Amino acid sequence: MENQLAKSTEERTFQYQDSLPSLPVPSLEESLKKYLESVKPFANKEEYKKTEEIVQKFQDGIGRKLHQKLLERAKGKRNWVFVVLIIEN
């Protein structure tokens, strides 16, 4: 019974996947703004100010390059979301 339920739920969940439009890549500015909004309730003033500085540095630097890669990926892939690991020395 469980296998039948799982199978029928999966079929219904992804039934129209191919007919749905792809989501657009949000702008870098929009993404970073949302990130800052999500951080704000959990940070004190000093932490938030430091976070804003880090976000600005990211936006002006590597963030632009990574966003370009997302835009390029979105041109050829239905699912453009991927994980990027940044290691700073």
Protein backbone atom coordinates (compact mmCIF):
# COMPACT_ATOMS: atom_id res chain seq x y z
CA MET A 1 0.00 0.00 0.00
CA GLU A 2 2.82 2.44 0.89
CA ASN A 3 4.60 1.82 -2.42
CA GLN A 4 1.43 2.52 -4.37
CA LEU A 5 0.83 5.74 -2.47
CA ALA A 6 4.41 6.95 -2.97
CA LYS A 7 4.32 6.12 -6.67
CA SER A 8 0.99 7.83 -7.32
CA THR A 9 2.07 10.93 -5.36
CA GLU A 10 5.33 11.16 -7.32
CA GLU A 11 3.51 10.86 -10.61
CA ARG A 12 1.09 13.63 -9.68
CA THR A 13 3.84 15.87 -8.33
CA PHE A 14 5.96 15.81 -11.47
CA GLN A 15 3.20 15.18 -13.99
CA TYR A 16 3.38 18.65 -15.57
CA GLN A 17 7.06 19.37 -14.95
CA ASP A 18 7.97 19.55 -18.64
CA SER A 19 5.13 21.92 -19.48
CA LEU A 20 6.00 24.48 -16.79
CA PRO A 21 8.08 27.51 -17.79
CA SER A 22 11.58 27.85 -16.40
CA LEU A 23 12.06 30.33 -13.60
CA PRO A 24 14.06 33.42 -14.54
CA VAL A 25 17.40 34.09 -12.89
CA PRO A 26 16.83 36.86 -10.36
CA SER A 27 19.13 39.87 -10.52
CA LEU A 28 22.19 39.82 -8.30
CA GLU A 29 20.97 42.96 -6.55
CA GLU A 30 17.56 41.42 -5.84
CA SER A 31 19.12 38.25 -4.44
CA LEU A 32 21.51 40.15 -2.19
CA LYS A 33 18.75 42.44 -0.96
CA LYS A 34 16.65 39.42 0.01
CA TYR A 35 19.66 37.87 1.72
CA LEU A 36 20.23 41.00 3.81
CA GLU A 37 16.54 41.12 4.71
CA SER A 38 16.70 37.52 5.90
CA VAL A 39 19.82 38.14 8.01
CA LYS A 40 18.65 41.35 9.66
CA PRO A 41 16.40 39.82 12.37
CA PHE A 42 19.26 37.61 13.57
CA ALA A 43 22.11 40.11 13.64
CA ASN A 44 22.89 42.95 16.00
CA LYS A 45 23.79 46.35 14.50
CA GLU A 46 27.52 45.62 14.37
CA GLU A 47 27.02 42.18 12.79
CA TYR A 48 24.57 43.55 10.26
CA LYS A 49 26.89 46.39 9.26
CA LYS A 50 29.73 43.90 8.74
CA THR A 51 27.39 41.67 6.71
CA GLU A 52 26.42 44.63 4.53
CA GLU A 53 30.11 45.32 3.88
CA ILE A 54 30.73 41.70 2.94
CA VAL A 55 27.70 41.66 0.64
CA GLN A 56 28.86 44.87 -1.07
CA LYS A 57 32.34 43.41 -1.59
CA PHE A 58 30.78 40.23 -3.01
CA GLN A 59 28.47 42.23 -5.29
CA ASP A 60 31.32 44.34 -6.63
CA GLY A 61 33.68 41.39 -7.04
CA ILE A 62 33.21 37.67 -7.48
CA GLY A 63 29.41 37.97 -7.27
CA ARG A 64 29.25 39.58 -10.72
CA LYS A 65 31.29 36.74 -12.25
CA LEU A 66 29.20 34.06 -10.55
CA HIS A 67 25.97 35.75 -11.60
CA GLN A 68 27.18 35.80 -15.21
CA LYS A 69 27.82 32.06 -14.95
CA LEU A 70 24.25 31.56 -13.72
CA LEU A 71 22.89 33.56 -16.64
CA GLU A 72 24.97 31.50 -19.08
CA ARG A 73 23.84 28.25 -17.47
CA ALA A 74 20.20 29.35 -17.67
CA LYS A 75 20.48 29.74 -21.44
CA GLY A 76 21.21 26.06 -21.94
CA LYS A 77 19.76 24.32 -18.89
CA ARG A 78 16.20 24.02 -17.71
CA ASN A 79 17.37 23.96 -14.10
CA TRP A 80 20.01 26.66 -13.71
CA VAL A 81 20.34 26.35 -9.93
CA PHE A 82 23.65 24.95 -8.76
CA VAL A 83 25.86 25.16 -5.72
CA VAL A 84 29.00 27.26 -5.68
CA LEU A 85 31.66 26.74 -3.06
CA ILE A 86 33.88 29.72 -2.37
CA ILE A 87 36.96 29.20 -0.25
CA GLU A 88 38.65 32.36 0.92
CA ASN A 89 42.21 32.14 2.22
